[in-house]
Amino acid sequence: MVKREIKCPHCCQWTVWQEQLQDRCKHCNGLLEQEKINKIEALASQRKLKEEIEQARIAQQNPFFRKVKQYTATIFIGFILVLTAVIVLAAG
């Protein structure tokens, strides 16, 4: 594991850093990567909010249309097969 020195954003003193998010300053015990941790938490909360909105939107849909949406490809292939069968029967 590589050890480097980094300047603590809290006490502005140089301390050993092992390039981990949870590394702490030897002098003030503050997190050295607090900004990155905050960004990761913000992105996670945004992702969770988007998932909740999507789940709410799906819950408001009509159950019939929800099922149709899941089987769209199967319905399309079935339609093509029926159309092909009608053409073959009409020609024959």
PDB file of N, CA and C in Angstrom:
ATOM      1  N   MET A   1       0.837  -1.165   0.000  1.00  0.00           N
ATOM      2  CA  MET A   1       0.000   0.000   0.000  1.00  0.00           C
ATOM      3  C   MET A   1       0.892   1.242   0.000  1.00  0.00           C
ATOM      4  N   VAL A   2       0.599   2.171  -0.857  1.00  0.00           N
ATOM      5  CA  VAL A   2       1.402   3.372  -1.002  1.00  0.00           C
ATOM      6  C   VAL A   2       1.020   4.374   0.082  1.00  0.00           C
ATOM      7  N   LYS A   3       2.020   4.947   0.707  1.00  0.00           N
ATOM      8  CA  LYS A   3       1.767   5.993   1.702  1.00  0.00           C
ATOM      9  C   LYS A   3       2.314   7.294   1.147  1.00  0.00           C
ATOM     10  N   ARG A   4       1.476   8.302   1.151  1.00  0.00           N
ATOM     11  CA  ARG A   4       1.884   9.619   0.691  1.00  0.00           C
ATOM     12  C   ARG A   4       1.482  10.625   1.742  1.00  0.00           C
ATOM     13  N   GLU A   5       1.949  11.822   1.587  1.00  0.00           N
ATOM     14  CA  GLU A   5       1.544  12.884   2.494  1.00  0.00           C
ATOM     15  C   GLU A   5       0.579  13.807   1.780  1.00  0.00           C
ATOM     16  N   ILE A   6      -0.380  14.280   2.545  1.00  0.00           N
ATOM     17  CA  ILE A   6      -1.384  15.195   2.012  1.00  0.00           C
ATOM     18  C   ILE A   6      -1.634  16.267   3.063  1.00  0.00           C
ATOM     19  N   LYS A   7      -2.007  17.437   2.603  1.00  0.00           N
ATOM     20  CA  LYS A   7      -2.294  18.531   3.521  1.00  0.00           C
ATOM     21  C   LYS A   7      -3.738  18.414   3.987  1.00  0.00           C
ATOM     22  N   CYS A   8      -3.928  18.406   5.281  1.00  0.00           N
ATOM     23  CA  CYS A   8      -5.265  18.268   5.862  1.00  0.00           C
ATOM     24  C   CYS A   8      -6.091  19.511   5.541  1.00  0.00           C
ATOM     25  N   PRO A   9      -7.319  19.342   5.043  1.00  0.00           N
ATOM     26  CA  PRO A   9      -8.149  20.515   4.735  1.00  0.00           C
ATOM     27  C   PRO A   9      -8.671  21.220   5.994  1.00  0.00           C
ATOM     28  N   HIS A  10      -8.565  20.568   7.154  1.00  0.00           N
ATOM     29  CA  HIS A  10      -9.086  21.154   8.393  1.00  0.00           C
ATOM     30  C   HIS A  10      -8.011  21.948   9.154  1.00  0.00           C
ATOM     31  N   CYS A  11      -6.875  21.296   9.428  1.00  0.00           N
ATOM     32  CA  CYS A  11      -5.841  21.954  10.231  1.00  0.00           C
ATOM     33  C   CYS A  11      -4.662  22.444   9.391  1.00  0.00           C
ATOM     34  N   CYS A  12      -4.651  22.152   8.084  1.00  0.00           N
ATOM     35  CA  CYS A  12      -3.622  22.592   7.136  1.00  0.00           C
ATOM     36  C   CYS A  12      -2.218  22.095   7.483  1.00  0.00           C
ATOM     37  N   GLN A  13      -2.122  20.935   8.126  1.00  0.00           N
ATOM     38  CA  GLN A  13      -0.826  20.329   8.395  1.00  0.00           C
ATOM     39  C   GLN A  13      -0.680  19.080   7.530  1.00  0.00           C
ATOM     40  N   TRP A  14       0.569  18.752   7.237  1.00  0.00           N
ATOM     41  CA  TRP A  14       0.829  17.577   6.412  1.00  0.00           C
ATOM     42  C   TRP A  14       0.682  16.317   7.250  1.00  0.00           C
ATOM     43  N   THR A  15       0.032  15.298   6.670  1.00  0.00           N
ATOM     44  CA  THR A  15      -0.183  14.042   7.373  1.00  0.00           C
ATOM     45  C   THR A  15      -0.088  12.879   6.387  1.00  0.00           C
ATOM     46  N   VAL A  16       0.105  11.679   6.897  1.00  0.00           N
ATOM     47  CA  VAL A  16       0.226  10.485   6.065  1.00  0.00           C
ATOM     48  C   VAL A  16      -1.138  10.128   5.495  1.00  0.00           C
ATOM     49  N   TRP A  17      -1.155   9.803   4.197  1.00  0.00           N
ATOM     50  CA  TRP A  17      -2.404   9.465   3.515  1.00  0.00           C
ATOM     51  C   TRP A  17      -2.197   8.170   2.762  1.00  0.00           C
ATOM     52  N   GLN A  18      -3.072   7.201   2.963  1.00  0.00           N
ATOM     53  CA  GLN A  18      -2.960   5.903   2.316  1.00  0.00           C
ATOM     54  C   GLN A  18      -3.920   5.759   1.146  1.00  0.00           C
ATOM     55  N   GLU A  19      -4.425   6.884   0.652  1.00  0.00           N
ATOM     56  CA  GLU A  19      -5.327   6.950  -0.496  1.00  0.00           C
ATOM     57  C   GLU A  19      -6.634   6.193  -0.278  1.00  0.00           C
ATOM     58  N   GLN A  20      -7.122   6.231   0.932  1.00  0.00           N
ATOM     59  CA  GLN A  20      -8.424   5.649   1.278  1.00  0.00           C
ATOM     60  C   GLN A  20      -9.378   6.782   1.625  1.00  0.00           C
ATOM     61  N   LEU A  21     -10.669   6.599   1.367  1.00  0.00           N
ATOM     62  CA  LEU A  21     -11.647   7.647   1.672  1.00  0.00           C
ATOM     63  C   LEU A  21     -11.761   7.918   3.167  1.00  0.00           C
ATOM     64  N   GLN A  22     -11.582   6.884   3.973  1.00  0.00           N
ATOM     65  CA  GLN A  22     -11.788   7.032   5.414  1.00  0.00           C
ATOM     66  C   GLN A  22     -10.503   7.382   6.176  1.00  0.00           C
ATOM     67  N   ASP A  23      -9.431   7.751   5.471  1.00  0.00           N
ATOM     68  CA  ASP A  23      -8.200   8.153   6.156  1.00  0.00           C
ATOM     69  C   ASP A  23      -8.431   9.424   6.958  1.00  0.00           C
ATOM     70  N   ARG A  24      -7.793   9.485   8.127  1.00  0.00           N
ATOM     71  CA  ARG A  24      -7.958  10.633   9.012  1.00  0.00           C
ATOM     72  C   ARG A  24      -6.614  11.308   9.255  1.00  0.00           C
ATOM     73  N   CYS A  25      -6.677  12.580   9.579  1.00  0.00           N
ATOM     74  CA  CYS A  25      -5.494  13.363   9.894  1.00  0.00           C
ATOM     75  C   CYS A  25      -4.919  12.898  11.235  1.00  0.00           C
ATOM     76  N   LYS A  26      -3.594  12.841  11.317  1.00  0.00           N
ATOM     77  CA  LYS A  26      -2.932  12.426  12.562  1.00  0.00           C
ATOM     78  C   LYS A  26      -2.992  13.527  13.619  1.00  0.00           C
ATOM     79  N   HIS A  27      -3.208  14.761  13.201  1.00  0.00           N
ATOM     80  CA  HIS A  27      -3.179  15.888  14.125  1.00  0.00           C
ATOM     81  C   HIS A  27      -4.566  16.238  14.671  1.00  0.00           C
ATOM     82  N   CYS A  28      -5.548  16.379  13.787  1.00  0.00           N
ATOM     83  CA  CYS A  28      -6.888  16.819  14.224  1.00  0.00           C
ATOM     84  C   CYS A  28      -7.934  15.722  14.111  1.00  0.00           C
ATOM     85  N   ASN A  29      -7.586  14.559  13.558  1.00  0.00           N
ATOM     86  CA  ASN A  29      -8.489  13.413  13.395  1.00  0.00           C
ATOM     87  C   ASN A  29      -9.647  13.722  12.437  1.00  0.00           C
ATOM     88  N   GLY A  30      -9.483  14.707  11.574  1.00  0.00           N
ATOM     89  CA  GLY A  30     -10.509  15.032  10.585  1.00  0.00           C
ATOM     90  C   GLY A  30     -10.348  14.161   9.344  1.00  0.00           C
ATOM     91  N   LEU A  31     -11.442  13.938   8.648  1.00  0.00           N
ATOM     92  CA  LEU A  31     -11.388  13.149   7.417  1.00  0.00           C
ATOM     93  C   LEU A  31     -10.643  13.924   6.338  1.00  0.00           C
ATOM     94  N   LEU A  32      -9.720  13.249   5.672  1.00  0.00           N
ATOM     95  CA  LEU A  32      -8.923  13.902   4.633  1.00  0.00           C
ATOM     96  C   LEU A  32      -9.693  14.032   3.319  1.00  0.00           C
ATOM     97  N   GLU A  33     -10.633  13.160   3.068  1.00  0.00           N
ATOM     98  CA  GLU A  33     -11.384  13.155   1.809  1.00  0.00           C
ATOM     99  C   GLU A  33     -12.862  13.476   2.032  1.00  0.00           C
ATOM    100  N   GLN A  34     -13.153  14.418   2.893  1.00  0.00           N
ATOM    101  CA  GLN A  34     -14.541  14.741   3.225  1.00  0.00           C
ATOM    102  C   GLN A  34     -15.326  15.224   2.010  1.00  0.00           C
ATOM    103  N   GLU A  35     -14.694  15.987   1.128  1.00  0.00           N
ATOM    104  CA  GLU A  35     -15.395  16.493  -0.061  1.00  0.00           C
ATOM    105  C   GLU A  35     -15.828  15.350  -0.975  1.00  0.00           C
ATOM    106  N   LYS A  36     -14.952  14.373  -1.184  1.00  0.00           N
ATOM    107  CA  LYS A  36     -15.307  13.237  -2.031  1.00  0.00           C
ATOM    108  C   LYS A  36     -16.421  12.415  -1.399  1.00  0.00           C
ATOM    109  N   ILE A  37     -16.362  12.242  -0.089  1.00  0.00           N
ATOM    110  CA  ILE A  37     -17.410  11.494   0.610  1.00  0.00           C
ATOM    111  C   ILE A  37     -18.750  12.207   0.448  1.00  0.00           C
ATOM    112  N   ASN A  38     -18.747  13.532   0.576  1.00  0.00           N
ATOM    113  CA  ASN A  38     -19.982  14.302   0.410  1.00  0.00           C
ATOM    114  C   ASN A  38     -20.537  14.169  -1.010  1.00  0.00           C
ATOM    115  N   LYS A  39     -19.642  14.190  -2.020  1.00  0.00           N
ATOM    116  CA  LYS A  39     -20.084  14.043  -3.409  1.00  0.00           C
ATOM    117  C   LYS A  39     -20.693  12.667  -3.651  1.00  0.00           C
ATOM    118  N   ILE A  40     -20.050  11.640  -3.101  1.00  0.00           N
ATOM    119  CA  ILE A  40     -20.563  10.273  -3.269  1.00  0.00           C
ATOM    120  C   ILE A  40     -21.928  10.138  -2.618  1.00  0.00           C
ATOM    121  N   GLU A  41     -22.094  10.699  -1.423  1.00  0.00           N
ATOM    122  CA  GLU A  41     -23.382  10.639  -0.742  1.00  0.00           C
ATOM    123  C   GLU A  41     -24.450  11.407  -1.507  1.00  0.00           C
ATOM    124  N   ALA A  42     -24.081  12.557  -2.080  1.00  0.00           N
ATOM    125  CA  ALA A  42     -25.048  13.341  -2.854  1.00  0.00           C
ATOM    126  C   ALA A  42     -25.487  12.581  -4.099  1.00  0.00           C
ATOM    127  N   LEU A  43     -24.534  11.959  -4.788  1.00  0.00           N
ATOM    128  CA  LEU A  43     -24.887  11.175  -5.976  1.00  0.00           C
ATOM    129  C   LEU A  43     -25.766   9.985  -5.612  1.00  0.00           C
ATOM    130  N   ALA A  44     -25.469   9.337  -4.491  1.00  0.00           N
ATOM    131  CA  ALA A  44     -26.282   8.198  -4.057  1.00  0.00           C
ATOM    132  C   ALA A  44     -27.701   8.643  -3.713  1.00  0.00           C
ATOM    133  N   SER A  45     -27.830   9.795  -3.056  1.00  0.00           N
ATOM    134  CA  SER A  45     -29.172  10.271  -2.706  1.00  0.00           C
ATOM    135  C   SER A  45     -29.946  10.676  -3.962  1.00  0.00           C
ATOM    136  N   GLN A  46     -29.264  11.262  -4.961  1.00  0.00           N
ATOM    137  CA  GLN A  46     -29.935  11.606  -6.213  1.00  0.00           C
ATOM    138  C   GLN A  46     -30.398  10.358  -6.943  1.00  0.00           C
ATOM    139  N   ARG A  47     -29.552   9.338  -6.952  1.00  0.00           N
ATOM    140  CA  ARG A  47     -29.910   8.083  -7.614  1.00  0.00           C
ATOM    141  C   ARG A  47     -31.109   7.445  -6.909  1.00  0.00           C
ATOM    142  N   LYS A  48     -31.108   7.478  -5.586  1.00  0.00           N
ATOM    143  CA  LYS A  48     -32.216   6.909  -4.826  1.00  0.00           C
ATOM    144  C   LYS A  48     -33.505   7.682  -5.095  1.00  0.00           C
ATOM    145  N   LEU A  49     -33.411   9.008  -5.169  1.00  0.00           N
ATOM    146  CA  LEU A  49     -34.585   9.836  -5.458  1.00  0.00           C
ATOM    147  C   LEU A  49     -35.147   9.528  -6.838  1.00  0.00           C
ATOM    148  N   LYS A  50     -34.260   9.373  -7.840  1.00  0.00           N
ATOM    149  CA  LYS A  50     -34.716   9.032  -9.193  1.00  0.00           C
ATOM    150  C   LYS A  50     -35.402   7.674  -9.214  1.00  0.00           C
ATOM    151  N   GLU A  51     -34.864   6.711  -8.469  1.00  0.00           N
ATOM    152  CA  GLU A  51     -35.487   5.387  -8.407  1.00  0.00           C
ATOM    153  C   GLU A  51     -36.857   5.459  -7.743  1.00  0.00           C
ATOM    154  N   GLU A  52     -36.987   6.252  -6.683  1.00  0.00           N
ATOM    155  CA  GLU A  52     -38.281   6.406  -6.023  1.00  0.00           C
ATOM    156  C   GLU A  52     -39.305   7.057  -6.946  1.00  0.00           C
ATOM    157  N   ILE A  53     -38.874   8.055  -7.716  1.00  0.00           N
ATOM    158  CA  ILE A  53     -39.780   8.709  -8.664  1.00  0.00           C
ATOM    159  C   ILE A  53     -40.218   7.723  -9.735  1.00  0.00           C
ATOM    160  N   GLU A  54     -39.282   6.920 -10.232  1.00  0.00           N
ATOM    161  CA  GLU A  54     -39.614   5.917 -11.246  1.00  0.00           C
ATOM    162  C   GLU A  54     -40.584   4.878 -10.695  1.00  0.00           C
ATOM    163  N   GLN A  55     -40.354   4.444  -9.448  1.00  0.00           N
ATOM    164  CA  GLN A  55     -41.264   3.471  -8.833  1.00  0.00           C
ATOM    165  C   GLN A  55     -42.659   4.073  -8.648  1.00  0.00           C
ATOM    166  N   ALA A  56     -42.734   5.340  -8.266  1.00  0.00           N
ATOM    167  CA  ALA A  56     -44.034   5.999  -8.109  1.00  0.00           C
ATOM    168  C   ALA A  56     -44.742   6.124  -9.454  1.00  0.00           C
ATOM    169  N   ARG A  57     -43.981   6.438 -10.503  1.00  0.00           N
ATOM    170  CA  ARG A  57     -44.579   6.547 -11.839  1.00  0.00           C
ATOM    171  C   ARG A  57     -45.109   5.202 -12.301  1.00  0.00           C
ATOM    172  N   ILE A  58     -44.353   4.147 -12.049  1.00  0.00           N
ATOM    173  CA  ILE A  58     -44.776   2.802 -12.442  1.00  0.00           C
ATOM    174  C   ILE A  58     -46.015   2.387 -11.652  1.00  0.00           C
ATOM    175  N   ALA A  59     -46.064   2.735 -10.378  1.00  0.00           N
ATOM    176  CA  ALA A  59     -47.208   2.367  -9.544  1.00  0.00           C
ATOM    177  C   ALA A  59     -48.488   3.061 -10.011  1.00  0.00           C
ATOM    178  N   GLN A  60     -48.361   4.237 -10.623  1.00  0.00           N
ATOM    179  CA  GLN A  60     -49.545   4.974 -11.071  1.00  0.00           C
ATOM    180  C   GLN A  60     -50.069   4.473 -12.413  1.00  0.00           C
ATOM    181  N   GLN A  61     -49.292   3.678 -13.123  1.00  0.00           N
ATOM    182  CA  GLN A  61     -49.726   3.178 -14.421  1.00  0.00           C
ATOM    183  C   GLN A  61     -50.830   2.138 -14.252  1.00  0.00           C
ATOM    184  N   ASN A  62     -51.629   2.027 -15.293  1.00  0.00           N
ATOM    185  CA  ASN A  62     -52.661   1.003 -15.340  1.00  0.00           C
ATOM    186  C   ASN A  62     -51.983  -0.370 -15.408  1.00  0.00           C
ATOM    187  N   PRO A  63     -52.426  -1.339 -14.602  1.00  0.00           N
ATOM    188  CA  PRO A  63     -51.774  -2.657 -14.601  1.00  0.00           C
ATOM    189  C   PRO A  63     -51.788  -3.340 -15.971  1.00  0.00           C
ATOM    190  N   PHE A  64     -52.851  -3.141 -16.748  1.00  0.00           N
ATOM    191  CA  PHE A  64     -52.932  -3.753 -18.073  1.00  0.00           C
ATOM    192  C   PHE A  64     -51.812  -3.236 -18.973  1.00  0.00           C
ATOM    193  N   PHE A  65     -51.643  -1.903 -18.999  1.00  0.00           N
ATOM    194  CA  PHE A  65     -50.611  -1.319 -19.842  1.00  0.00           C
ATOM    195  C   PHE A  65     -49.212  -1.667 -19.331  1.00  0.00           C
ATOM    196  N   ARG A  66     -49.063  -1.858 -18.027  1.00  0.00           N
ATOM    197  CA  ARG A  66     -47.779  -2.268 -17.475  1.00  0.00           C
ATOM    198  C   ARG A  66     -47.397  -3.651 -17.999  1.00  0.00           C
ATOM    199  N   LYS A  67     -48.373  -4.561 -18.043  1.00  0.00           N
ATOM    200  CA  LYS A  67     -48.113  -5.908 -18.573  1.00  0.00           C
ATOM    201  C   LYS A  67     -47.820  -5.854 -20.074  1.00  0.00           C
ATOM    202  N   VAL A  68     -48.572  -5.038 -20.800  1.00  0.00           N
ATOM    203  CA  VAL A  68     -48.359  -4.913 -22.240  1.00  0.00           C
ATOM    204  C   VAL A  68     -46.948  -4.383 -22.509  1.00  0.00           C
ATOM    205  N   LYS A  69     -46.512  -3.440 -21.704  1.00  0.00           N
ATOM    206  CA  LYS A  69     -45.178  -2.880 -21.890  1.00  0.00           C
ATOM    207  C   LYS A  69     -44.104  -3.941 -21.668  1.00  0.00           C
ATOM    208  N   GLN A  70     -44.329  -4.842 -20.728  1.00  0.00           N
ATOM    209  CA  GLN A  70     -43.355  -5.896 -20.457  1.00  0.00           C
ATOM    210  C   GLN A  70     -43.271  -6.892 -21.612  1.00  0.00           C
ATOM    211  N   TYR A  71     -44.381  -7.113 -22.302  1.00  0.00           N
ATOM    212  CA  TYR A  71     -44.433  -8.131 -23.357  1.00  0.00           C
ATOM    213  C   TYR A  71     -44.531  -7.524 -24.751  1.00  0.00           C
ATOM    214  N   THR A  72     -44.011  -6.334 -24.950  1.00  0.00           N
ATOM    215  CA  THR A  72     -44.119  -5.644 -26.228  1.00  0.00           C
ATOM    216  C   THR A  72     -43.490  -6.448 -27.361  1.00  0.00           C
ATOM    217  N   ALA A  73     -42.308  -6.968 -27.167  1.00  0.00           N
ATOM    218  CA  ALA A  73     -41.631  -7.723 -28.228  1.00  0.00           C
ATOM    219  C   ALA A  73     -42.411  -8.985 -28.580  1.00  0.00           C
ATOM    220  N   THR A  74     -42.929  -9.681 -27.576  1.00  0.00           N
ATOM    221  CA  THR A  74     -43.699 -10.901 -27.820  1.00  0.00           C
ATOM    222  C   THR A  74     -44.979 -10.580 -28.592  1.00  0.00           C
ATOM    223  N   ILE A  75     -45.643  -9.501 -28.225  1.00  0.00           N
ATOM    224  CA  ILE A  75     -46.871  -9.102 -28.917  1.00  0.00           C
ATOM    225  C   ILE A  75     -46.555  -8.727 -30.365  1.00  0.00           C
ATOM    226  N   PHE A  76     -45.457  -8.023 -30.591  1.00  0.00           N
ATOM    227  CA  PHE A  76     -45.072  -7.632 -31.944  1.00  0.00           C
ATOM    228  C   PHE A  76     -44.788  -8.854 -32.806  1.00  0.00           C
ATOM    229  N   ILE A  77     -44.043  -9.811 -32.295  1.00  0.00           N
ATOM    230  CA  ILE A  77     -43.750 -11.035 -33.047  1.00  0.00           C
ATOM    231  C   ILE A  77     -45.036 -11.806 -33.329  1.00  0.00           C
ATOM    232  N   GLY A  78     -45.918 -11.858 -32.343  1.00  0.00           N
ATOM    233  CA  GLY A  78     -47.208 -12.527 -32.551  1.00  0.00           C
ATOM    234  C   GLY A  78     -48.012 -11.852 -33.647  1.00  0.00           C
ATOM    235  N   PHE A  79     -48.026 -10.529 -33.668  1.00  0.00           N
ATOM    236  CA  PHE A  79     -48.733  -9.780 -34.704  1.00  0.00           C
ATOM    237  C   PHE A  79     -48.161 -10.095 -36.080  1.00  0.00           C
ATOM    238  N   ILE A  80     -46.853 -10.123 -36.210  1.00  0.00           N
ATOM    239  CA  ILE A  80     -46.204 -10.442 -37.485  1.00  0.00           C
ATOM    240  C   ILE A  80     -46.570 -11.869 -37.918  1.00  0.00           C
ATOM    241  N   LEU A  81     -46.574 -12.813 -36.979  1.00  0.00           N
ATOM    242  CA  LEU A  81     -46.919 -14.193 -37.321  1.00  0.00           C
ATOM    243  C   LEU A  81     -48.379 -14.311 -37.786  1.00  0.00           C
ATOM    244  N   VAL A  82     -49.284 -13.627 -37.118  1.00  0.00           N
ATOM    245  CA  VAL A  82     -50.702 -13.664 -37.520  1.00  0.00           C
ATOM    246  C   VAL A  82     -50.856 -13.024 -38.882  1.00  0.00           C
ATOM    247  N   LEU A  83     -50.207 -11.923 -39.124  1.00  0.00           N
ATOM    248  CA  LEU A  83     -50.288 -11.254 -40.425  1.00  0.00           C
ATOM    249  C   LEU A  83     -49.733 -12.160 -41.518  1.00  0.00           C
ATOM    250  N   THR A  84     -48.627 -12.829 -41.244  1.00  0.00           N
ATOM    251  CA  THR A  84     -48.051 -13.762 -42.218  1.00  0.00           C
ATOM    252  C   THR A  84     -49.009 -14.914 -42.489  1.00  0.00           C
ATOM    253  N   ALA A  85     -49.645 -15.458 -41.455  1.00  0.00           N
ATOM    254  CA  ALA A  85     -50.590 -16.568 -41.614  1.00  0.00           C
ATOM    255  C   ALA A  85     -51.784 -16.121 -42.449  1.00  0.00           C
ATOM    256  N   VAL A  86     -52.298 -14.924 -42.232  1.00  0.00           N
ATOM    257  CA  VAL A  86     -53.442 -14.427 -43.011  1.00  0.00           C
ATOM    258  C   VAL A  86     -53.058 -14.290 -44.483  1.00  0.00           C
ATOM    259  N   ILE A  87     -51.868 -13.776 -44.746  1.00  0.00           N
ATOM    260  CA  ILE A  87     -51.415 -13.622 -46.136  1.00  0.00           C
ATOM    261  C   ILE A  87     -51.255 -14.981 -46.799  1.00  0.00           C
ATOM    262  N   VAL A  88     -50.687 -15.948 -46.100  1.00  0.00           N
ATOM    263  CA  VAL A  88     -50.502 -17.283 -46.658  1.00  0.00           C
ATOM    264  C   VAL A  88     -51.851 -17.937 -46.923  1.00  0.00           C
ATOM    265  N   LEU A  89     -52.786 -17.814 -45.994  1.00  0.00           N
ATOM    266  CA  LEU A  89     -54.118 -18.412 -46.174  1.00  0.00           C
ATOM    267  C   LEU A  89     -54.883 -17.738 -47.309  1.00  0.00           C
ATOM    268  N   ALA A  90     -54.725 -16.431 -47.440  1.00  0.00           N
ATOM    269  CA  ALA A  90     -55.429 -15.716 -48.506  1.00  0.00           C
ATOM    270  C   ALA A  90     -54.834 -16.069 -49.883  1.00  0.00           C
ATOM    271  N   ALA A  91     -53.554 -16.322 -49.930  1.00  0.00           N
ATOM    272  CA  ALA A  91     -52.904 -16.644 -51.192  1.00  0.00           C
ATOM    273  C   ALA A  91     -53.140 -18.095 -51.585  1.00  0.00           C
ATOM    274  N   GLY A  92     -53.372 -18.961 -50.608  1.00  0.00           N
ATOM    275  CA  GLY A  92     -53.422 -20.380 -50.875  1.00  0.00           C
ATOM    276  C   GLY A  92     -54.738 -20.869 -51.260  1.00  0.00           C
TER     277      GLY A  92
END
